[in-house]
């Protein structure tokens, strides 16, 4: 039997979906940029570039995402006298934090391309930039997609942390708005919150699988069995 207040619950939670989607999509976009910049920098022949990228990767991965969020909203304004908009600040934290993890995905995927591909590109007299753009990255991207799928879903779940800085996303709508009013039905409210995240995660997975098929088709091959296993075991 459905709860009497189910319509109210869904209506209030739905008001938080746009904020969650904006934070997730914005965070994913920044994650992709940060991942490729830092990941390729880790492979740079310049030691200085590698060291700077490594500091970013280890610094962001080795510190708490919640503390990063609090530092941006409560400490940084004291230092610079400027308060960033909570939602956009959340996107910055989500993107830079997950970009640090994504950098290792990019680095590992590029290094996984067989050495013969590099040698063939050199034999064709391609410049280093052309080798990377036309030969290495197209193959590496196919390998990146399954772990990026997992990373993006993790980013989606991390978007719930924005409730700490008063962004009215799904978790805050459920925990701060509905639960205090309908304490006896907390189980139902939080179950609905979980289901919303599950649906959004499935959408991300569907999009990433489509992208993987398209990238594989461009290379004239099917997604590897190993990639399929990664998707099944780590998608959610």
C-alpha atoms as a PDB file:
ATOM      1  CA  UNK A   1       0.000   0.000   0.000  1.00  0.00           C
ATOM      2  CA  UNK A   2       1.431   3.387  -1.012  1.00  0.00           C
ATOM      3  CA  UNK A   3       1.941   6.037   1.701  1.00  0.00           C
ATOM      4  CA  UNK A   4      -0.665   8.795   1.799  1.00  0.00           C
ATOM      5  CA  UNK A   5       2.007  11.468   1.447  1.00  0.00           C
ATOM      6  CA  UNK A   6       3.863   9.846  -1.454  1.00  0.00           C
ATOM      7  CA  UNK A   7       2.858  12.617  -3.862  1.00  0.00           C
ATOM      8  CA  UNK A   8       4.115  15.273  -1.453  1.00  0.00           C
ATOM      9  CA  UNK A   9       7.395  13.428  -0.955  1.00  0.00           C
ATOM     10  CA  UNK A  10       8.017  13.083  -4.682  1.00  0.00           C
ATOM     11  CA  UNK A  11       7.103  16.711  -5.319  1.00  0.00           C
ATOM     12  CA  UNK A  12       9.501  18.060  -2.698  1.00  0.00           C
ATOM     13  CA  UNK A  13      12.324  15.705  -3.715  1.00  0.00           C
ATOM     14  CA  UNK A  14      11.816  16.581  -7.380  1.00  0.00           C
ATOM     15  CA  UNK A  15      12.562  20.220  -6.528  1.00  0.00           C
ATOM     16  CA  UNK A  16      16.066  19.096  -5.597  1.00  0.00           C
ATOM     17  CA  UNK A  17      16.701  17.082  -8.771  1.00  0.00           C
ATOM     18  CA  UNK A  18      17.717  20.081 -10.955  1.00  0.00           C
ATOM     19  CA  UNK A  19      20.358  21.137  -8.409  1.00  0.00           C
ATOM     20  CA  UNK A  20      21.704  17.574  -8.235  1.00  0.00           C
ATOM     21  CA  UNK A  21      21.790  17.270 -12.024  1.00  0.00           C
ATOM     22  CA  UNK A  22      23.491  20.662 -12.483  1.00  0.00           C
ATOM     23  CA  UNK A  23      26.107  19.829  -9.836  1.00  0.00           C
ATOM     24  CA  UNK A  24      26.712  16.403 -11.388  1.00  0.00           C
ATOM     25  CA  UNK A  25      26.904  17.535 -15.020  1.00  0.00           C
ATOM     26  CA  UNK A  26      29.050  20.544 -14.147  1.00  0.00           C
ATOM     27  CA  UNK A  27      31.285  18.391 -11.970  1.00  0.00           C
ATOM     28  CA  UNK A  28      31.645  15.808 -14.750  1.00  0.00           C
ATOM     29  CA  UNK A  29      32.607  18.493 -17.282  1.00  0.00           C
ATOM     30  CA  UNK A  30      35.277  19.908 -14.954  1.00  0.00           C
ATOM     31  CA  UNK A  31      36.435  16.389 -14.056  1.00  0.00           C
ATOM     32  CA  UNK A  32      37.039  15.552 -17.723  1.00  0.00           C
ATOM     33  CA  UNK A  33      39.074  18.724 -18.285  1.00  0.00           C
ATOM     34  CA  UNK A  34      41.095  18.319 -15.079  1.00  0.00           C
ATOM     35  CA  UNK A  35      41.648  14.606 -15.725  1.00  0.00           C
ATOM     36  CA  UNK A  36      43.087  15.093 -19.194  1.00  0.00           C
ATOM     37  CA  UNK A  37      45.206  18.122 -18.263  1.00  0.00           C
ATOM     38  CA  UNK A  38      46.658  16.497 -15.142  1.00  0.00           C
ATOM     39  CA  UNK A  39      46.836  12.995 -16.614  1.00  0.00           C
ATOM     40  CA  UNK A  40      48.777  14.078 -19.695  1.00  0.00           C
ATOM     41  CA  UNK A  41      50.921  16.334 -17.523  1.00  0.00           C
ATOM     42  CA  UNK A  42      51.924  13.263 -15.509  1.00  0.00           C
ATOM     43  CA  UNK A  43      53.377  11.887 -18.760  1.00  0.00           C
ATOM     44  CA  UNK A  44      55.171  15.100 -19.690  1.00  0.00           C
ATOM     45  CA  UNK A  45      58.901  14.917 -20.426  1.00  0.00           C
ATOM     46  CA  UNK A  46      59.276  17.992 -18.209  1.00  0.00           C
ATOM     47  CA  UNK A  47      60.003  17.084 -14.592  1.00  0.00           C
ATOM     48  CA  UNK A  48      58.562  20.401 -13.382  1.00  0.00           C
ATOM     49  CA  UNK A  49      55.235  19.748 -15.108  1.00  0.00           C
ATOM     50  CA  UNK A  50      55.114  16.215 -13.709  1.00  0.00           C
ATOM     51  CA  UNK A  51      55.826  17.422 -10.183  1.00  0.00           C
ATOM     52  CA  UNK A  52      53.130  20.132 -10.326  1.00  0.00           C
ATOM     53  CA  UNK A  53      50.583  17.632 -11.630  1.00  0.00           C
ATOM     54  CA  UNK A  54      51.565  15.074  -8.984  1.00  0.00           C
ATOM     55  CA  UNK A  55      51.121  17.657  -6.213  1.00  0.00           C
ATOM     56  CA  UNK A  56      47.614  18.392  -7.490  1.00  0.00           C
ATOM     57  CA  UNK A  57      46.695  14.698  -7.804  1.00  0.00           C
ATOM     58  CA  UNK A  58      48.037  13.608  -4.417  1.00  0.00           C
ATOM     59  CA  UNK A  59      46.877  16.770  -2.669  1.00  0.00           C
ATOM     60  CA  UNK A  60      43.272  16.425  -3.777  1.00  0.00           C
ATOM     61  CA  UNK A  61      43.115  12.644  -3.408  1.00  0.00           C
ATOM     62  CA  UNK A  62      44.770  12.706  -0.008  1.00  0.00           C
ATOM     63  CA  UNK A  63      42.474  15.226   1.670  1.00  0.00           C
ATOM     64  CA  UNK A  64      38.832  15.015   2.679  1.00  0.00           C
ATOM     65  CA  UNK A  65      36.281  16.162   0.126  1.00  0.00           C
ATOM     66  CA  UNK A  66      34.123  17.548   2.935  1.00  0.00           C
ATOM     67  CA  UNK A  67      37.040  19.570   4.312  1.00  0.00           C
ATOM     68  CA  UNK A  68      37.772  20.887   0.816  1.00  0.00           C
ATOM     69  CA  UNK A  69      34.155  21.979   0.560  1.00  0.00           C
ATOM     70  CA  UNK A  70      34.191  23.658   3.968  1.00  0.00           C
ATOM     71  CA  UNK A  71      37.518  25.349   3.211  1.00  0.00           C
ATOM     72  CA  UNK A  72      36.133  26.816  -0.005  1.00  0.00           C
ATOM     73  CA  UNK A  73      32.997  28.168   1.655  1.00  0.00           C
ATOM     74  CA  UNK A  74      34.121  29.148   5.138  1.00  0.00           C
ATOM     75  CA  UNK A  75      37.888  29.734   5.021  1.00  0.00           C
ATOM     76  CA  UNK A  76      38.483  31.151   1.536  1.00  0.00           C
ATOM     77  CA  UNK A  77      36.006  34.074   1.937  1.00  0.00           C
ATOM     78  CA  UNK A  78      37.938  35.167   5.046  1.00  0.00           C
ATOM     79  CA  UNK A  79      41.162  35.203   3.029  1.00  0.00           C
ATOM     80  CA  UNK A  80      39.902  36.888  -0.147  1.00  0.00           C
ATOM     81  CA  UNK A  81      36.737  38.630   1.021  1.00  0.00           C
ATOM     82  CA  UNK A  82      34.593  36.968  -1.631  1.00  0.00           C
ATOM     83  CA  UNK A  83      31.824  34.417  -1.078  1.00  0.00           C
ATOM     84  CA  UNK A  84      31.389  32.005  -3.969  1.00  0.00           C
ATOM     85  CA  UNK A  85      27.890  30.861  -5.000  1.00  0.00           C
ATOM     86  CA  UNK A  86      27.317  27.522  -3.173  1.00  0.00           C
ATOM     87  CA  UNK A  87      26.254  25.511  -6.219  1.00  0.00           C
ATOM     88  CA  UNK A  88      29.153  26.660  -8.395  1.00  0.00           C
ATOM     89  CA  UNK A  89      31.592  26.242  -5.558  1.00  0.00           C
ATOM     90  CA  UNK A  90      30.316  22.702  -5.147  1.00  0.00           C
ATOM     91  CA  UNK A  91      30.909  22.042  -8.834  1.00  0.00           C
ATOM     92  CA  UNK A  92      34.498  23.274  -8.468  1.00  0.00           C
ATOM     93  CA  UNK A  93      35.163  20.962  -5.511  1.00  0.00           C
ATOM     94  CA  UNK A  94      33.499  17.960  -7.173  1.00  0.00           C
ATOM     95  CA  UNK A  95      35.295  18.544 -10.471  1.00  0.00           C
ATOM     96  CA  UNK A  96      38.768  19.155  -9.075  1.00  0.00           C
ATOM     97  CA  UNK A  97      38.532  16.347  -6.529  1.00  0.00           C
ATOM     98  CA  UNK A  98      37.370  13.718  -8.997  1.00  0.00           C
ATOM     99  CA  UNK A  99      39.680  15.123 -11.647  1.00  0.00           C
ATOM    100  CA  UNK A 100      42.590  14.083  -9.418  1.00  0.00           C
ATOM    101  CA  UNK A 101      41.347  10.494  -9.561  1.00  0.00           C
ATOM    102  CA  UNK A 102      40.598  10.797 -13.263  1.00  0.00           C
ATOM    103  CA  UNK A 103      44.161  11.919 -13.954  1.00  0.00           C
ATOM    104  CA  UNK A 104      45.411   8.466 -12.991  1.00  0.00           C
ATOM    105  CA  UNK A 105      42.812   6.890 -15.282  1.00  0.00           C
ATOM    106  CA  UNK A 106      44.074   8.993 -18.194  1.00  0.00           C
ATOM    107  CA  UNK A 107      47.714   8.266 -17.397  1.00  0.00           C
ATOM    108  CA  UNK A 108      47.154   4.532 -17.070  1.00  0.00           C
ATOM    109  CA  UNK A 109      45.030   4.293 -20.208  1.00  0.00           C
ATOM    110  CA  UNK A 110      47.571   6.163 -22.333  1.00  0.00           C
ATOM    111  CA  UNK A 111      50.366   3.967 -21.028  1.00  0.00           C
ATOM    112  CA  UNK A 112      48.297   0.841 -21.809  1.00  0.00           C
ATOM    113  CA  UNK A 113      48.386   1.555 -25.556  1.00  0.00           C
ATOM    114  CA  UNK A 114      50.800  -0.990 -27.097  1.00  0.00           C
ATOM    115  CA  UNK A 115      54.302   0.291 -27.745  1.00  0.00           C
ATOM    116  CA  UNK A 116      53.984  -0.772 -31.383  1.00  0.00           C
ATOM    117  CA  UNK A 117      51.392   1.970 -31.891  1.00  0.00           C
ATOM    118  CA  UNK A 118      53.895   4.614 -30.771  1.00  0.00           C
ATOM    119  CA  UNK A 119      56.568   3.159 -33.023  1.00  0.00           C
ATOM    120  CA  UNK A 120      54.206   3.059 -35.992  1.00  0.00           C
ATOM    121  CA  UNK A 121      53.243   6.698 -35.446  1.00  0.00           C
ATOM    122  CA  UNK A 122      56.920   7.667 -35.284  1.00  0.00           C
ATOM    123  CA  UNK A 123      57.574   5.732 -38.496  1.00  0.00           C
ATOM    124  CA  UNK A 124      54.872   7.848 -40.157  1.00  0.00           C
ATOM    125  CA  UNK A 125      56.812  10.969 -39.118  1.00  0.00           C
ATOM    126  CA  UNK A 126      53.950  12.297 -36.992  1.00  0.00           C
ATOM    127  CA  UNK A 127      54.773  15.025 -34.502  1.00  0.00           C
ATOM    128  CA  UNK A 128      54.367  14.203 -30.774  1.00  0.00           C
ATOM    129  CA  UNK A 129      51.095  16.173 -30.659  1.00  0.00           C
ATOM    130  CA  UNK A 130      49.772  14.463 -33.785  1.00  0.00           C
ATOM    131  CA  UNK A 131      50.774  11.033 -32.437  1.00  0.00           C
ATOM    132  CA  UNK A 132      48.841  11.673 -29.261  1.00  0.00           C
ATOM    133  CA  UNK A 133      45.794  13.159 -30.991  1.00  0.00           C
ATOM    134  CA  UNK A 134      45.464  10.785 -33.949  1.00  0.00           C
ATOM    135  CA  UNK A 135      46.891   7.487 -32.719  1.00  0.00           C
ATOM    136  CA  UNK A 136      47.239   7.200 -28.942  1.00  0.00           C
ATOM    137  CA  UNK A 137      44.222   9.024 -27.478  1.00  0.00           C
ATOM    138  CA  UNK A 138      41.574   7.380 -29.711  1.00  0.00           C
ATOM    139  CA  UNK A 139      42.714   3.989 -28.424  1.00  0.00           C
ATOM    140  CA  UNK A 140      43.225   5.132 -24.842  1.00  0.00           C
ATOM    141  CA  UNK A 141      39.767   6.725 -24.622  1.00  0.00           C
ATOM    142  CA  UNK A 142      38.087   3.356 -25.191  1.00  0.00           C
ATOM    143  CA  UNK A 143      39.942   2.034 -22.143  1.00  0.00           C
ATOM    144  CA  UNK A 144      39.116   5.137 -20.091  1.00  0.00           C
ATOM    145  CA  UNK A 145      35.344   4.981 -20.460  1.00  0.00           C
ATOM    146  CA  UNK A 146      34.511   2.106 -18.042  1.00  0.00           C
ATOM    147  CA  UNK A 147      36.550   3.533 -15.124  1.00  0.00           C
ATOM    148  CA  UNK A 148      35.253   7.034 -15.911  1.00  0.00           C
ATOM    149  CA  UNK A 149      31.740   5.600 -15.698  1.00  0.00           C
ATOM    150  CA  UNK A 150      32.487   4.495 -12.139  1.00  0.00           C
ATOM    151  CA  UNK A 151      34.091   7.845 -11.327  1.00  0.00           C
ATOM    152  CA  UNK A 152      31.101   9.830 -12.616  1.00  0.00           C
ATOM    153  CA  UNK A 153      28.696   7.738 -10.549  1.00  0.00           C
ATOM    154  CA  UNK A 154      30.861   8.365  -7.507  1.00  0.00           C
ATOM    155  CA  UNK A 155      30.710  12.084  -8.322  1.00  0.00           C
ATOM    156  CA  UNK A 156      26.921  11.879  -8.498  1.00  0.00           C
ATOM    157  CA  UNK A 157      26.813  10.361  -5.030  1.00  0.00           C
ATOM    158  CA  UNK A 158      29.289  12.930  -3.722  1.00  0.00           C
ATOM    159  CA  UNK A 159      26.946  15.706  -4.866  1.00  0.00           C
ATOM    160  CA  UNK A 160      24.929  14.956  -1.712  1.00  0.00           C
ATOM    161  CA  UNK A 161      27.756  16.661   0.231  1.00  0.00           C
ATOM    162  CA  UNK A 162      26.510  19.984  -1.113  1.00  0.00           C
ATOM    163  CA  UNK A 163      23.694  19.739   1.423  1.00  0.00           C
ATOM    164  CA  UNK A 164      26.344  20.771   3.993  1.00  0.00           C
ATOM    165  CA  UNK A 165      26.616  24.186   2.318  1.00  0.00           C
ATOM    166  CA  UNK A 166      22.849  24.630   1.981  1.00  0.00           C
ATOM    167  CA  UNK A 167      22.420  23.686  -1.680  1.00  0.00           C
ATOM    168  CA  UNK A 168      18.868  22.424  -2.030  1.00  0.00           C
ATOM    169  CA  UNK A 169      19.726  19.213  -3.863  1.00  0.00           C
ATOM    170  CA  UNK A 170      17.912  15.894  -3.405  1.00  0.00           C
ATOM    171  CA  UNK A 171      19.538  14.850  -0.132  1.00  0.00           C
ATOM    172  CA  UNK A 172      18.883  18.186   1.556  1.00  0.00           C
ATOM    173  CA  UNK A 173      15.285  18.211   0.343  1.00  0.00           C
ATOM    174  CA  UNK A 174      14.765  14.823   1.939  1.00  0.00           C
ATOM    175  CA  UNK A 175      16.824  15.173   5.106  1.00  0.00           C
ATOM    176  CA  UNK A 176      16.298  18.839   5.993  1.00  0.00           C
ATOM    177  CA  UNK A 177      12.818  19.508   4.564  1.00  0.00           C
ATOM    178  CA  UNK A 178      10.809  16.289   4.651  1.00  0.00           C
ATOM    179  CA  UNK A 179      12.232  14.210   7.509  1.00  0.00           C
ATOM    180  CA  UNK A 180      11.626  16.865  10.227  1.00  0.00           C
ATOM    181  CA  UNK A 181       7.984  17.146   9.109  1.00  0.00           C
ATOM    182  CA  UNK A 182       7.348  13.422   8.569  1.00  0.00           C
ATOM    183  CA  UNK A 183       9.679  11.740  11.051  1.00  0.00           C
ATOM    184  CA  UNK A 184       7.548   8.598  11.243  1.00  0.00           C
ATOM    185  CA  UNK A 185       7.962   8.111   7.495  1.00  0.00           C
ATOM    186  CA  UNK A 186      11.728   8.698   7.359  1.00  0.00           C
ATOM    187  CA  UNK A 187      12.275   5.226   5.917  1.00  0.00           C
ATOM    188  CA  UNK A 188      10.045   5.942   2.924  1.00  0.00           C
ATOM    189  CA  UNK A 189      11.554   9.392   2.338  1.00  0.00           C
ATOM    190  CA  UNK A 190      15.143   8.175   2.390  1.00  0.00           C
ATOM    191  CA  UNK A 191      14.238   5.167   0.240  1.00  0.00           C
ATOM    192  CA  UNK A 192      12.892   7.554  -2.389  1.00  0.00           C
ATOM    193  CA  UNK A 193      16.125   9.561  -2.176  1.00  0.00           C
ATOM    194  CA  UNK A 194      18.098   6.361  -2.806  1.00  0.00           C
ATOM    195  CA  UNK A 195      15.916   5.476  -5.784  1.00  0.00           C
ATOM    196  CA  UNK A 196      16.435   8.909  -7.338  1.00  0.00           C
ATOM    197  CA  UNK A 197      20.201   8.486  -7.120  1.00  0.00           C
ATOM    198  CA  UNK A 198      19.887   4.987  -8.567  1.00  0.00           C
ATOM    199  CA  UNK A 199      17.923   6.253 -11.570  1.00  0.00           C
ATOM    200  CA  UNK A 200      20.452   9.018 -12.209  1.00  0.00           C
ATOM    201  CA  UNK A 201      23.316   6.503 -11.920  1.00  0.00           C
ATOM    202  CA  UNK A 202      21.639   4.212 -14.441  1.00  0.00           C
ATOM    203  CA  UNK A 203      21.290   7.137 -16.848  1.00  0.00           C
ATOM    204  CA  UNK A 204      25.018   7.885 -16.532  1.00  0.00           C
ATOM    205  CA  UNK A 205      25.828   4.223 -17.145  1.00  0.00           C
ATOM    206  CA  UNK A 206      23.598   4.079 -20.231  1.00  0.00           C
ATOM    207  CA  UNK A 207      25.247   7.177 -21.702  1.00  0.00           C
ATOM    208  CA  UNK A 208      28.749   5.882 -21.006  1.00  0.00           C
ATOM    209  CA  UNK A 209      27.985   2.506 -22.562  1.00  0.00           C
ATOM    210  CA  UNK A 210      26.731   4.257 -25.662  1.00  0.00           C
ATOM    211  CA  UNK A 211      29.901   6.341 -25.822  1.00  0.00           C
ATOM    212  CA  UNK A 212      32.011   3.223 -25.386  1.00  0.00           C
ATOM    213  CA  UNK A 213      30.271   1.479 -28.269  1.00  0.00           C
ATOM    214  CA  UNK A 214      30.725   4.539 -30.470  1.00  0.00           C
ATOM    215  CA  UNK A 215      34.413   4.885 -29.589  1.00  0.00           C
ATOM    216  CA  UNK A 216      35.008   1.174 -30.165  1.00  0.00           C
ATOM    217  CA  UNK A 217      33.203   1.270 -33.496  1.00  0.00           C
ATOM    218  CA  UNK A 218      35.440   4.109 -34.689  1.00  0.00           C
ATOM    219  CA  UNK A 219      38.415   1.860 -34.006  1.00  0.00           C
ATOM    220  CA  UNK A 220      36.755  -1.075 -35.733  1.00  0.00           C
ATOM    221  CA  UNK A 221      36.489  -3.234 -32.635  1.00  0.00           C
ATOM    222  CA  UNK A 222      34.037  -4.257 -29.957  1.00  0.00           C
ATOM    223  CA  UNK A 223      34.396  -3.289 -26.286  1.00  0.00           C
ATOM    224  CA  UNK A 224      36.766  -5.744 -24.645  1.00  0.00           C
ATOM    225  CA  UNK A 225      35.520  -8.472 -22.349  1.00  0.00           C
ATOM    226  CA  UNK A 226      37.636  -6.957 -19.608  1.00  0.00           C
ATOM    227  CA  UNK A 227      35.845  -3.623 -20.027  1.00  0.00           C
ATOM    228  CA  UNK A 228      32.490  -5.395 -19.792  1.00  0.00           C
ATOM    229  CA  UNK A 229      33.528  -7.011 -16.534  1.00  0.00           C
ATOM    230  CA  UNK A 230      34.640  -3.644 -15.175  1.00  0.00           C
ATOM    231  CA  UNK A 231      31.253  -2.137 -16.004  1.00  0.00           C
ATOM    232  CA  UNK A 232      29.289  -4.971 -14.416  1.00  0.00           C
ATOM    233  CA  UNK A 233      31.329  -5.144 -11.224  1.00  0.00           C
ATOM    234  CA  UNK A 234      31.908  -1.441 -10.663  1.00  0.00           C
ATOM    235  CA  UNK A 235      29.106   0.519 -12.298  1.00  0.00           C
ATOM    236  CA  UNK A 236      27.146   1.212  -9.132  1.00  0.00           C
END
